[in-house]
PDB file of N, CA and C in Angstrom:
ATOM      1  N   THR A   1      99.680 110.315 107.725  1.00  0.00           N
ATOM      2  CA  THR A   1      98.442 110.153 106.675  1.00  0.00           C
ATOM      3  C   THR A   1      97.406 110.669 107.917  1.00  0.00           C
ATOM      4  N   ILE A   2      96.285 110.982 106.864  1.00  0.00           N
ATOM      5  CA  ILE A   2      94.832 111.718 107.664  1.00  0.00           C
ATOM      6  C   ILE A   2      93.869 111.630 107.650  1.00  0.00           C
ATOM      7  N   MET A   3      93.106 110.307 108.575  1.00  0.00           N
ATOM      8  CA  MET A   3      91.932 109.600 107.867  1.00  0.00           C
ATOM      9  C   MET A   3      90.699 110.817 108.631  1.00  0.00           C
ATOM     10  N   ILE A   4      89.828 110.689 107.659  1.00  0.00           N
ATOM     11  CA  ILE A   4      88.531 111.945 108.077  1.00  0.00           C
ATOM     12  C   ILE A   4      87.198 111.161 107.376  1.00  0.00           C
ATOM     13  N   TYR A   5      86.314 111.189 108.699  1.00  0.00           N
ATOM     14  CA  TYR A   5      85.160 110.285 108.409  1.00  0.00           C
ATOM     15  C   TYR A   5      83.843 111.463 109.214  1.00  0.00           C
ATOM     16  N   PRO A   6      83.003 111.904 108.131  1.00  0.00           N
ATOM     17  CA  PRO A   6      82.772 111.274 106.889  1.00  0.00           C
ATOM     18  C   PRO A   6      83.965 112.295 105.916  1.00  0.00           C
ATOM     19  N   VAL A   7      84.268 111.955 105.032  1.00  0.00           N
ATOM     20  CA  VAL A   7      84.912 112.502 103.930  1.00  0.00           C
ATOM     21  C   VAL A   7      84.360 113.811 103.797  1.00  0.00           C
ATOM     22  N   VAL A   8      83.403 113.948 103.162  1.00  0.00           N
ATOM     23  CA  VAL A   8      82.140 114.860 103.192  1.00  0.00           C
ATOM     24  C   VAL A   8      81.995 115.464 104.796  1.00  0.00           C
ATOM     25  N   PRO A   9      81.693 116.978 105.127  1.00  0.00           N
ATOM     26  CA  PRO A   9      81.745 116.916 106.498  1.00  0.00           C
ATOM     27  C   PRO A   9      79.542 117.369 106.330  1.00  0.00           C
ATOM     28  N   ASP A  10      79.082 116.191 107.434  1.00  0.00           N
ATOM     29  CA  ASP A  10      77.745 116.184 107.544  1.00  0.00           C
ATOM     30  C   ASP A  10      77.288 116.984 108.766  1.00  0.00           C
ATOM     31  N   PHE A  11      76.918 118.187 108.569  1.00  0.00           N
ATOM     32  CA  PHE A  11      76.776 119.026 110.103  1.00  0.00           C
ATOM     33  C   PHE A  11      75.332 118.488 110.623  1.00  0.00           C
ATOM     34  N   ARG A  12      74.487 117.987 110.183  1.00  0.00           N
ATOM     35  CA  ARG A  12      73.184 117.219 110.828  1.00  0.00           C
ATOM     36  C   ARG A  12      73.577 116.606 111.513  1.00  0.00           C
ATOM     37  N   ARG A  13      74.139 114.776 111.256  1.00  0.00           N
ATOM     38  CA  ARG A  13      74.629 113.945 112.049  1.00  0.00           C
ATOM     39  C   ARG A  13      75.984 114.450 113.218  1.00  0.00           C
ATOM     40  N   TYR A  14      76.534 115.078 112.493  1.00  0.00           N
ATOM     41  CA  TYR A  14      77.843 115.660 113.771  1.00  0.00           C
ATOM     42  C   TYR A  14      77.793 117.280 113.834  1.00  0.00           C
ATOM     43  N   PRO A  15      76.862 117.626 114.608  1.00  0.00           N
ATOM     44  CA  PRO A  15      76.710 118.768 115.208  1.00  0.00           C
ATOM     45  C   PRO A  15      78.470 119.875 115.818  1.00  0.00           C
ATOM     46  N   ASN A  16      79.251 119.236 115.780  1.00  0.00           N
ATOM     47  CA  ASN A  16      80.597 119.762 115.937  1.00  0.00           C
ATOM     48  C   ASN A  16      80.910 121.460 115.211  1.00  0.00           C
ATOM     49  N   GLU A  17      81.879 121.589 114.705  1.00  0.00           N
ATOM     50  CA  GLU A  17      81.936 122.857 114.118  1.00  0.00           C
ATOM     51  C   GLU A  17      82.840 122.288 112.839  1.00  0.00           C
ATOM     52  N   GLN A  18      83.484 121.107 113.099  1.00  0.00           N
ATOM     53  CA  GLN A  18      83.948 120.738 111.793  1.00  0.00           C
ATOM     54  C   GLN A  18      83.012 119.541 110.977  1.00  0.00           C
ATOM     55  N   GLY A  19      81.978 119.055 111.519  1.00  0.00           N
ATOM     56  CA  GLY A  19      80.454 118.101 111.296  1.00  0.00           C
ATOM     57  C   GLY A  19      81.702 116.964 110.714  1.00  0.00           C
ATOM     58  N   ARG A  20      82.557 116.133 111.641  1.00  0.00           N
ATOM     59  CA  ARG A  20      83.123 114.917 111.133  1.00  0.00           C
ATOM     60  C   ARG A  20      82.736 113.919 112.898  1.00  0.00           C
ATOM     61  N   ASP A  21      83.138 113.060 112.583  1.00  0.00           N
ATOM     62  CA  ASP A  21      83.118 112.390 113.938  1.00  0.00           C
ATOM     63  C   ASP A  21      84.604 112.412 114.526  1.00  0.00           C
ATOM     64  N   LEU A  22      84.827 112.958 115.599  1.00  0.00           N
ATOM     65  CA  LEU A  22      86.284 113.047 116.374  1.00  0.00           C
ATOM     66  C   LEU A  22      87.247 111.753 116.396  1.00  0.00           C
ATOM     67  N   PHE A  23      86.453 110.742 117.135  1.00  0.00           N
ATOM     68  CA  PHE A  23      86.331 109.531 117.381  1.00  0.00           C
ATOM     69  C   PHE A  23      86.829 108.751 116.482  1.00  0.00           C
ATOM     70  N   VAL A  24      86.739 109.019 115.277  1.00  0.00           N
ATOM     71  CA  VAL A  24      87.063 107.941 114.098  1.00  0.00           C
ATOM     72  C   VAL A  24      88.261 108.796 113.051  1.00  0.00           C
ATOM     73  N   THR A  25      87.918 110.420 113.152  1.00  0.00           N
ATOM     74  CA  THR A  25      89.164 111.318 112.663  1.00  0.00           C
ATOM     75  C   THR A  25      90.344 111.644 113.256  1.00  0.00           C
ATOM     76  N   HIS A  26      91.513 110.765 112.529  1.00  0.00           N
ATOM     77  CA  HIS A  26      92.568 110.887 113.408  1.00  0.00           C
ATOM     78  C   HIS A  26      94.085 110.679 112.390  1.00  0.00           C
ATOM     79  N   MET A  27      94.830 111.359 112.790  1.00  0.00           N
ATOM     80  CA  MET A  27      96.290 111.621 112.468  1.00  0.00           C
ATOM     81  C   MET A  27      97.937 111.160 112.699  1.00  0.00           C
ATOM     82  N   GLU A  28      98.086 110.109 111.908  1.00  0.00           N
ATOM     83  CA  GLU A  28      98.794 109.424 112.296  1.00  0.00           C
ATOM     84  C   GLU A  28     100.456 110.143 110.964  1.00  0.00           C
ATOM     85  N   MET A  29     101.304 109.920 112.240  1.00  0.00           N
ATOM     86  CA  MET A  29     102.687 110.764 111.147  1.00  0.00           C
ATOM     87  C   MET A  29     104.104 109.505 111.542  1.00  0.00           C
ATOM     88  N   GLY A  30     105.096 109.975 110.417  1.00  0.00           N
ATOM     89  CA  GLY A  30     105.561 109.054 110.255  1.00  0.00           C
ATOM     90  C   GLY A  30     105.474 107.565 110.096  1.00  0.00           C
ATOM     91  N   LEU A  31     106.255 106.433 110.026  1.00  0.00           N
ATOM     92  CA  LEU A  31     105.979 105.193 109.701  1.00  0.00           C
ATOM     93  C   LEU A  31     105.136 104.587 109.995  1.00  0.00           C
ATOM     94  N   GLY A  32     104.095 104.668 111.341  1.00  0.00           N
ATOM     95  CA  GLY A  32     102.718 104.032 111.403  1.00  0.00           C
ATOM     96  C   GLY A  32     101.884 105.150 110.110  1.00  0.00           C
ATOM     97  N   GLY A  33     102.122 105.920 109.749  1.00  0.00           N
ATOM     98  CA  GLY A  33     100.923 106.582 108.882  1.00  0.00           C
ATOM     99  C   GLY A  33     101.251 106.018 107.293  1.00  0.00           C
ATOM    100  N   ALA A  34     102.478 105.404 107.373  1.00  0.00           N
ATOM    101  CA  ALA A  34     102.608 104.887 105.998  1.00  0.00           C
ATOM    102  C   ALA A  34     102.284 103.505 106.325  1.00  0.00           C
ATOM    103  N   TRP A  35     102.226 102.780 107.276  1.00  0.00           N
ATOM    104  CA  TRP A  35     101.591 101.570 107.178  1.00  0.00           C
ATOM    105  C   TRP A  35     100.345 101.364 107.467  1.00  0.00           C
ATOM    106  N   MET A  36      99.541 102.786 107.727  1.00  0.00           N
ATOM    107  CA  MET A  36      98.202 102.774 107.826  1.00  0.00           C
ATOM    108  C   MET A  36      97.345 103.294 106.496  1.00  0.00           C
ATOM    109  N   LYS A  37      98.491 103.838 105.652  1.00  0.00           N
ATOM    110  CA  LYS A  37      97.880 104.356 104.462  1.00  0.00           C
ATOM    111  C   LYS A  37      98.001 102.768 103.715  1.00  0.00           C
ATOM    112  N   ARG A  38      98.972 102.072 103.674  1.00  0.00           N
ATOM    113  CA  ARG A  38      99.037 100.977 103.101  1.00  0.00           C
ATOM    114  C   ARG A  38      98.126  99.684 102.975  1.00  0.00           C
ATOM    115  N   MET A  39      97.670  99.810 104.425  1.00  0.00           N
ATOM    116  CA  MET A  39      96.498  98.753 105.394  1.00  0.00           C
ATOM    117  C   MET A  39      95.268  99.425 104.715  1.00  0.00           C
ATOM    118  N   ILE A  40      95.052 100.805 104.862  1.00  0.00           N
ATOM    119  CA  ILE A  40      93.880 100.941 104.143  1.00  0.00           C
ATOM    120  C   ILE A  40      93.596 100.735 102.417  1.00  0.00           C
ATOM    121  N   HIS A  41      94.367 101.087 101.977  1.00  0.00           N
ATOM    122  CA  HIS A  41      94.934 100.823 100.178  1.00  0.00           C
ATOM    123  C   HIS A  41      94.851  99.249 100.206  1.00  0.00           C
ATOM    124  N   SER A  42      95.240  98.627 100.492  1.00  0.00           N
ATOM    125  CA  SER A  42      95.207  96.801 100.808  1.00  0.00           C
ATOM    126  C   SER A  42      93.952  96.699 100.858  1.00  0.00           C
ATOM    127  N   THR A  43      92.832  97.040 101.610  1.00  0.00           N
ATOM    128  CA  THR A  43      91.767  96.565 102.283  1.00  0.00           C
ATOM    129  C   THR A  43      90.926  96.974 100.921  1.00  0.00           C
ATOM    130  N   PHE A  44      91.019  98.706 100.971  1.00  0.00           N
ATOM    131  CA  PHE A  44      89.736  98.998  99.498  1.00  0.00           C
ATOM    132  C   PHE A  44      89.750  97.758  97.805  1.00  0.00           C
ATOM    133  N   MET A  45      91.377  97.291  97.793  1.00  0.00           N
ATOM    134  CA  MET A  45      91.317  97.237  96.576  1.00  0.00           C
ATOM    135  C   MET A  45      90.995  95.707  96.944  1.00  0.00           C
ATOM    136  N   TYR A  46      91.059  94.629  97.713  1.00  0.00           N
ATOM    137  CA  TYR A  46      90.206  93.706  98.377  1.00  0.00           C
ATOM    138  C   TYR A  46      88.665  93.752  97.726  1.00  0.00           C
ATOM    139  N   LYS A  47      88.550  95.391  98.653  1.00  0.00           N
ATOM    140  CA  LYS A  47      86.682  94.970  98.741  1.00  0.00           C
ATOM    141  C   LYS A  47      86.356  95.273  96.538  1.00  0.00           C
ATOM    142  N   LEU A  48      87.143  95.908  96.298  1.00  0.00           N
ATOM    143  CA  LEU A  48      86.780  96.679  95.104  1.00  0.00           C
ATOM    144  C   LEU A  48      86.853  95.036  94.240  1.00  0.00           C
ATOM    145  N   GLN A  49      88.326  93.868  94.506  1.00  0.00           N
ATOM    146  CA  GLN A  49      87.641  92.983  93.441  1.00  0.00           C
ATOM    147  C   GLN A  49      86.706  91.964  93.950  1.00  0.00           C
ATOM    148  N   GLY A  50      86.188  92.104  94.994  1.00  0.00           N
ATOM    149  CA  GLY A  50      85.137  91.034  95.247  1.00  0.00           C
ATOM    150  C   GLY A  50      85.479  89.824  95.905  1.00  0.00           C
ATOM    151  N   ARG A  51      86.869  89.844  96.778  1.00  0.00           N
ATOM    152  CA  ARG A  51      87.345  88.733  97.054  1.00  0.00           C
ATOM    153  C   ARG A  51      86.530  88.050  98.284  1.00  0.00           C
ATOM    154  N   PRO A  52      86.704  86.900  98.461  1.00  0.00           N
ATOM    155  CA  PRO A  52      85.912  86.014  99.921  1.00  0.00           C
ATOM    156  C   PRO A  52      85.833  87.225 101.061  1.00  0.00           C
ATOM    157  N   GLY A  53      85.070  87.294 100.962  1.00  0.00           N
ATOM    158  CA  GLY A  53      84.533  87.865 102.514  1.00  0.00           C
ATOM    159  C   GLY A  53      84.870  89.931 102.945  1.00  0.00           C
ATOM    160  N   TRP A  54      84.483  90.425 101.513  1.00  0.00           N
ATOM    161  CA  TRP A  54      84.660  91.953 100.985  1.00  0.00           C
ATOM    162  C   TRP A  54      83.649  92.459 101.817  1.00  0.00           C
ATOM    163  N   LYS A  55      81.874  91.532 102.121  1.00  0.00           N
ATOM    164  CA  LYS A  55      81.357  92.308 103.119  1.00  0.00           C
ATOM    165  C   LYS A  55      81.572  92.474 104.578  1.00  0.00           C
ATOM    166  N   VAL A  56      82.554  91.929 105.024  1.00  0.00           N
ATOM    167  CA  VAL A  56      82.890  91.978 106.182  1.00  0.00           C
ATOM    168  C   VAL A  56      83.512  93.280 106.651  1.00  0.00           C
ATOM    169  N   ILE A  57      84.437  94.029 105.402  1.00  0.00           N
ATOM    170  CA  ILE A  57      84.843  95.045 105.493  1.00  0.00           C
ATOM    171  C   ILE A  57      83.748  96.414 105.431  1.00  0.00           C
ATOM    172  N   PRO A  58      84.477  97.289 106.564  1.00  0.00           N
ATOM    173  CA  PRO A  58      83.685  98.095 106.646  1.00  0.00           C
ATOM    174  C   PRO A  58      83.415  99.882 105.461  1.00  0.00           C
ATOM    175  N   GLU A  59      82.603 100.062 105.843  1.00  0.00           N
ATOM    176  CA  GLU A  59      82.572 101.353 104.506  1.00  0.00           C
ATOM    177  C   GLU A  59      83.828 102.188 105.147  1.00  0.00           C
TER     178      GLU A  59
END
């Protein structure tokens, strides 16, 4: 699982050669990556459905 932030490179905000925030962008391998993918999917669906507390979940 690779988490990239922001998805579209923003070279004005992040002036490195990738155009991304290197402290947020990272990679998880193996079983940890599978659990991270599940967590991201679950929180996205929770926010999409507009359940209580959805505003607390960051973009």
